[in-house]
Amino acid sequence: MKFNYWTVRVKPTPASVTRLGVGVIVGDSENNSFGFRFLNTLGAKLRTFPSSRGAQIQIAQLKKMLQDAANEEPTLDLQIKPSPRELLNLAVERWNNLVLIDPPNVVSANSLEEAADFLFDKLIFPGESRAQPERVRATVKNCYRGEARLRQFLVSEPRLILSDWAEQKFDVGVVKEDQVLDLNRVLSLDTQSRSQLSESLQVFTYRMQEFREDGAELKVAKARLVISKDVPVVLTTPAQDPAHTLEHNLELLSTYQSPWANLGIKILEVEHLATHVASLAQKV
């Protein structure tokens, strides 16, 4: 079954750029049923936010509005009352201060409750799903370290300096003397909403296009190297398993296959990285 869902995020202050995911709302368009899950520790999570109290009040009001709208029995009352979906659409358009509701996306699940649990665990709850990118990063670094010929040339978290205000961080680099042989970045697919992932991929693609056209410097520890425009760039992803990855994120990733290929960026699932690393070791 297909369900719509909305992610809910909070800003420390109305003018802040920072956002914290706090909950998900899931709706069944066929029977107008809705469910939601929010962090139980919301107060603790927002404790350091200057506008914490206001955000908590706004979220409590949102929950009540949804519950009231979903429980409204059909009547002949001529007064028009908004449905939960209409309330959410209004919130997406108008709530832009402390609490933000992202535009709706679609997820597949067997039930509304299963969809809410899946999305909450993947996008909001700071548990197992949040650890996934770190596990992949550890696997990637161990894969490179496993090649004895590469070990002495590995650098951790090199940064591509494109200008005084723009840079791109990578997780692993292979640098032999002043020659950069490889740059690898881990891409998370499960811990971001579609809008967050889309923005992240757009920024990365723009920076890589700028790098391929104009070149850049690589910051390694305190040193800076002027590097070739054609340095190999690898994006490593977790296993792209539809059963465990948000469907819309896989679809979004597929739209970048062609642009990245044109920029000479290789996309590898983590279990296929060893072949790439072994080939790289042969060139050192």
Protein backbone atom coordinates (compact mmCIF):
# COMPACT_ATOMS: atom_id res chain seq x y z
CA MET A 1 0.00 0.00 0.00
CA LYS A 2 1.06 3.56 -0.68
CA PHE A 3 0.92 6.23 2.02
CA ASN A 4 1.67 9.93 2.04
CA TYR A 5 3.94 11.23 4.75
CA TRP A 6 5.19 14.58 6.02
CA THR A 7 8.33 15.16 8.10
CA VAL A 8 8.25 17.74 10.89
CA ARG A 9 11.32 19.77 11.78
CA VAL A 10 12.10 22.48 14.35
CA LYS A 11 14.44 25.48 14.17
CA PRO A 12 16.24 26.87 17.27
CA THR A 13 14.95 30.36 16.37
CA PRO A 14 12.79 31.64 13.49
CA ALA A 15 15.91 32.93 11.67
CA SER A 16 18.03 29.80 12.14
CA VAL A 17 19.36 27.67 9.30
CA THR A 18 19.73 24.62 11.58
CA ARG A 19 16.83 22.15 11.68
CA LEU A 20 16.08 19.17 13.92
CA GLY A 21 13.75 16.38 12.78
CA VAL A 22 11.20 15.67 15.51
CA GLY A 23 8.38 13.65 13.97
CA VAL A 24 6.54 12.13 11.02
CA ILE A 25 2.88 12.26 9.98
CA VAL A 26 1.44 9.50 7.78
CA GLY A 27 -1.86 9.55 5.93
CA ASP A 28 -4.00 7.07 4.00
CA SER A 29 -5.69 8.92 1.13
CA GLU A 30 -8.30 6.18 0.67
CA ASN A 31 -9.98 6.41 4.07
CA ASN A 32 -8.62 9.75 5.33
CA SER A 33 -6.97 8.08 8.32
CA PHE A 34 -3.84 9.65 9.77
CA GLY A 35 -1.20 8.74 12.29
CA PHE A 36 1.91 10.40 13.63
CA ARG A 37 4.96 9.73 15.76
CA PHE A 38 7.02 12.35 17.55
CA LEU A 39 10.05 12.11 19.79
CA ASN A 40 9.06 11.24 23.36
CA THR A 41 12.04 13.26 24.57
CA LEU A 42 11.04 16.36 22.62
CA GLY A 43 11.51 18.68 25.60
CA ALA A 44 15.00 17.36 26.27
CA LYS A 45 15.95 17.54 22.60
CA LEU A 46 14.87 21.18 22.37
CA ARG A 47 16.21 22.21 25.78
CA THR A 48 19.08 24.25 24.30
CA PHE A 49 16.84 25.92 21.69
CA PRO A 50 16.08 29.57 22.61
CA SER A 51 12.51 29.13 21.34
CA SER A 52 11.98 25.64 22.80
CA ARG A 53 8.74 26.44 24.62
CA GLY A 54 7.10 28.02 21.58
CA ALA A 55 8.05 25.07 19.36
CA GLN A 56 6.62 22.54 21.84
CA ILE A 57 3.34 24.48 22.05
CA GLN A 58 3.09 24.64 18.26
CA ILE A 59 3.68 20.88 17.91
CA ALA A 60 1.07 20.15 20.60
CA GLN A 61 -1.40 22.32 18.67
CA LEU A 62 -0.56 20.46 15.46
CA LYS A 63 -1.27 17.09 17.10
CA LYS A 64 -4.61 18.31 18.45
CA MET A 65 -5.63 19.80 15.09
CA LEU A 66 -4.89 16.50 13.33
CA GLN A 67 -6.68 14.43 15.97
CA ASP A 68 -9.74 16.68 15.90
CA ALA A 69 -9.90 16.70 12.10
CA ALA A 70 -9.42 12.93 11.81
CA ASN A 71 -12.11 12.23 14.44
CA GLU A 72 -14.66 14.58 12.89
CA GLU A 73 -17.80 12.61 11.99
CA PRO A 74 -19.51 13.46 8.68
CA THR A 75 -22.54 15.70 9.26
CA LEU A 76 -24.85 17.97 7.33
CA ASP A 77 -23.26 20.98 9.02
CA LEU A 78 -22.88 23.66 6.36
CA GLN A 79 -19.78 25.02 8.04
CA ILE A 80 -16.78 23.84 6.00
CA LYS A 81 -14.16 22.13 8.14
CA PRO A 82 -10.71 21.27 6.77
CA SER A 83 -9.60 17.66 6.51
CA PRO A 84 -6.26 16.56 8.03
CA ARG A 85 -4.72 16.67 4.54
CA GLU A 86 -5.94 20.23 3.99
CA LEU A 87 -4.57 21.27 7.37
CA LEU A 88 -1.19 19.78 6.50
CA ASN A 89 -1.12 21.47 3.10
CA LEU A 90 -1.77 24.81 4.79
CA ALA A 91 0.98 24.13 7.32
CA VAL A 92 3.47 23.27 4.56
CA GLU A 93 2.73 26.61 2.90
CA ARG A 94 2.48 28.86 5.95
CA TRP A 95 4.49 27.43 8.83
CA ASN A 96 7.99 28.81 8.30
CA ASN A 97 9.11 30.13 11.67
CA LEU A 98 9.86 27.60 14.42
CA VAL A 99 8.13 24.45 13.19
CA LEU A 100 8.44 23.36 9.56
CA ILE A 101 6.41 20.69 7.78
CA ASP A 102 8.04 19.38 4.61
CA PRO A 103 5.99 18.76 1.44
CA PRO A 104 4.48 15.25 1.25
CA ASN A 105 6.31 12.21 -0.07
CA VAL A 106 5.18 8.61 -0.65
CA VAL A 107 6.21 5.41 1.12
CA SER A 108 5.15 1.77 0.64
CA ALA A 109 4.10 -0.30 3.67
CA ASN A 110 1.56 -2.92 4.72
CA SER A 111 -0.25 -0.60 7.11
CA LEU A 112 -0.33 2.99 8.28
CA GLU A 113 1.24 1.99 11.60
CA GLU A 114 4.05 0.10 9.87
CA ALA A 115 4.73 3.12 7.65
CA ALA A 116 4.88 5.45 10.66
CA ASP A 117 7.25 3.13 12.54
CA PHE A 118 9.50 2.64 9.50
CA LEU A 119 9.76 6.36 8.74
CA PHE A 120 10.27 7.34 12.37
CA ASP A 121 13.08 4.82 12.77
CA LYS A 122 14.72 5.83 9.48
CA LEU A 123 14.33 9.60 9.60
CA ILE A 124 13.85 10.71 13.20
CA PHE A 125 14.81 8.24 15.92
CA PRO A 126 18.51 8.61 16.88
CA GLY A 127 19.08 4.88 17.11
CA GLU A 128 20.14 2.10 14.77
CA SER A 129 19.32 3.91 11.52
CA ARG A 130 21.33 6.95 12.57
CA ALA A 131 24.35 4.71 13.07
CA GLN A 132 24.19 3.35 9.53
CA PRO A 133 26.30 6.07 7.86
CA GLU A 134 28.99 5.64 10.52
CA ARG A 135 29.04 1.88 9.96
CA VAL A 136 29.43 2.41 6.22
CA ARG A 137 32.21 4.97 6.79
CA ALA A 138 34.02 2.52 9.05
CA THR A 139 33.67 -0.22 6.42
CA VAL A 140 34.99 2.11 3.71
CA LYS A 141 38.01 3.17 5.76
CA ASN A 142 38.80 -0.42 6.73
CA CYS A 143 38.56 -1.46 3.09
CA TYR A 144 41.21 1.08 2.09
CA ARG A 145 43.39 0.25 5.11
CA GLY A 146 43.15 -3.43 4.19
CA GLU A 147 45.35 -2.80 1.13
CA ALA A 148 48.90 -2.66 2.46
CA ARG A 149 50.13 -0.69 -0.55
CA LEU A 150 47.63 2.08 0.11
CA ARG A 151 47.92 2.35 3.87
CA GLN A 152 50.70 4.93 4.03
CA PHE A 153 48.95 7.19 1.51
CA LEU A 154 45.53 7.33 3.22
CA VAL A 155 44.19 10.62 4.55
CA SER A 156 41.05 11.02 6.62
CA GLU A 157 38.40 13.64 5.88
CA PRO A 158 40.20 15.66 3.18
CA ARG A 159 38.40 18.81 2.07
CA LEU A 160 38.13 20.09 -1.48
CA ILE A 161 38.52 23.88 -1.34
CA LEU A 162 36.63 25.49 -4.20
CA SER A 163 36.65 29.09 -2.96
CA ASP A 164 36.89 31.09 0.25
CA TRP A 165 33.31 30.13 1.05
CA ALA A 166 32.74 26.75 -0.63
CA GLU A 167 34.29 23.39 0.16
CA GLN A 168 33.36 19.71 -0.12
CA LYS A 169 34.26 17.19 2.55
CA PHE A 170 35.21 13.61 1.69
CA ASP A 171 35.63 10.66 4.04
CA VAL A 172 38.81 9.12 2.63
CA GLY A 173 41.52 10.25 0.24
CA VAL A 174 44.54 8.53 -1.27
CA VAL A 175 47.41 11.02 -1.65
CA LYS A 176 50.86 9.98 -2.83
CA GLU A 177 53.31 12.84 -2.44
CA ASP A 178 51.49 15.69 -4.21
CA GLN A 179 49.29 13.47 -6.39
CA VAL A 180 45.69 12.73 -5.36
CA LEU A 181 44.75 9.26 -6.57
CA ASP A 182 41.26 8.89 -5.11
CA LEU A 183 38.58 10.75 -3.15
CA ASN A 184 35.72 8.83 -1.52
CA ARG A 185 32.56 10.13 0.09
CA VAL A 186 29.90 8.04 1.86
CA LEU A 187 26.36 8.89 0.83
CA SER A 188 23.56 8.10 3.27
CA LEU A 189 20.21 7.09 1.78
CA ASP A 190 18.14 6.29 4.87
CA THR A 191 18.58 9.18 7.28
CA GLN A 192 17.30 12.03 5.15
CA SER A 193 13.91 13.01 3.80
CA ARG A 194 13.57 13.40 0.05
CA SER A 195 13.85 17.20 0.28
CA GLN A 196 16.98 17.00 2.43
CA LEU A 197 18.63 14.40 0.19
CA SER A 198 17.68 16.34 -2.95
CA GLU A 199 19.27 19.50 -1.59
CA SER A 200 22.40 17.60 -0.54
CA LEU A 201 22.80 15.94 -3.96
CA GLN A 202 22.23 19.20 -5.81
CA VAL A 203 24.92 20.97 -3.78
CA PHE A 204 27.38 18.11 -4.22
CA THR A 205 26.77 17.94 -7.98
CA TYR A 206 27.19 21.69 -8.39
CA ARG A 207 30.48 21.62 -6.47
CA MET A 208 31.79 18.71 -8.50
CA GLN A 209 30.90 20.50 -11.73
CA GLU A 210 32.75 23.56 -10.47
CA PHE A 211 35.75 21.39 -9.56
CA ARG A 212 35.86 19.69 -12.97
CA GLU A 213 35.71 23.05 -14.74
CA ASP A 214 37.92 25.27 -12.58
CA GLY A 215 40.03 22.95 -10.45
CA ALA A 216 40.51 23.25 -6.70
CA GLU A 217 42.83 22.74 -3.78
CA LEU A 218 42.71 19.80 -1.38
CA LYS A 219 43.15 20.52 2.31
CA VAL A 220 44.86 17.63 4.09
CA ALA A 221 45.51 18.33 7.78
CA LYS A 222 47.17 21.78 7.64
CA ALA A 223 48.52 21.43 4.10
CA ARG A 224 46.91 22.48 0.83
CA LEU A 225 47.56 20.83 -2.51
CA VAL A 226 46.63 22.16 -5.93
CA ILE A 227 45.10 19.10 -7.56
CA SER A 228 44.19 17.91 -11.03
CA LYS A 229 40.63 18.45 -12.29
CA ASP A 230 40.37 14.78 -13.25
CA VAL A 231 41.02 13.23 -9.82
CA PRO A 232 38.88 10.07 -9.48
CA VAL A 233 35.85 10.67 -7.24
CA VAL A 234 33.85 7.82 -5.71
CA LEU A 235 30.48 7.93 -3.94
CA THR A 236 29.92 4.90 -1.73
CA THR A 237 26.36 4.03 -0.71
CA PRO A 238 24.87 1.40 1.61
CA ALA A 239 23.28 -1.57 -0.15
CA GLN A 240 20.51 -0.13 -2.32
CA ASP A 241 17.91 -2.61 -1.10
CA PRO A 242 14.32 -1.46 -1.72
CA ALA A 243 13.20 -3.44 1.32
CA HIS A 244 15.38 -1.35 3.63
CA THR A 245 15.78 1.97 1.82
CA LEU A 246 13.23 4.70 1.28
CA GLU A 247 11.84 4.17 -2.21
CA HIS A 248 11.82 7.84 -3.17
CA ASN A 249 15.49 8.20 -2.16
CA LEU A 250 16.45 5.36 -4.51
CA GLU A 251 14.45 7.03 -7.28
CA LEU A 252 16.14 10.35 -6.57
CA LEU A 253 19.58 8.74 -6.60
CA SER A 254 18.88 7.17 -10.00
CA THR A 255 18.28 10.61 -11.54
CA TYR A 256 21.88 11.56 -10.78
CA GLN A 257 23.48 8.52 -12.42
CA SER A 258 23.90 10.22 -15.80
CA PRO A 259 25.09 13.66 -14.56
CA TRP A 260 27.63 12.03 -12.26
CA ALA A 261 28.88 9.73 -15.01
CA ASN A 262 29.44 12.83 -17.16
CA LEU A 263 31.47 14.33 -14.31
CA GLY A 264 33.55 11.17 -13.93
CA ILE A 265 32.03 10.27 -10.56
CA LYS A 266 31.77 6.57 -9.79
CA ILE A 267 28.88 5.28 -7.62
CA LEU A 268 29.54 2.06 -5.72
CA GLU A 269 27.54 0.11 -3.19
CA VAL A 270 29.75 -0.60 -0.21
CA GLU A 271 29.98 -4.35 -0.90
CA HIS A 272 31.50 -3.61 -4.32
CA LEU A 273 34.13 -1.18 -3.04
CA ALA A 274 36.84 -3.82 -2.47
CA THR A 275 37.26 -4.39 -6.22
CA HIS A 276 37.79 -0.66 -6.79
CA VAL A 277 40.30 -0.42 -3.93
CA ALA A 278 42.24 -3.48 -5.13
CA SER A 279 42.48 -1.96 -8.61
CA LEU A 280 43.67 1.33 -7.12
CA ALA A 281 46.37 -0.47 -5.12
CA GLN A 282 47.77 -1.90 -8.35
CA LYS A 283 48.44 1.64 -9.59
CA VAL A 284 50.43 2.82 -6.56
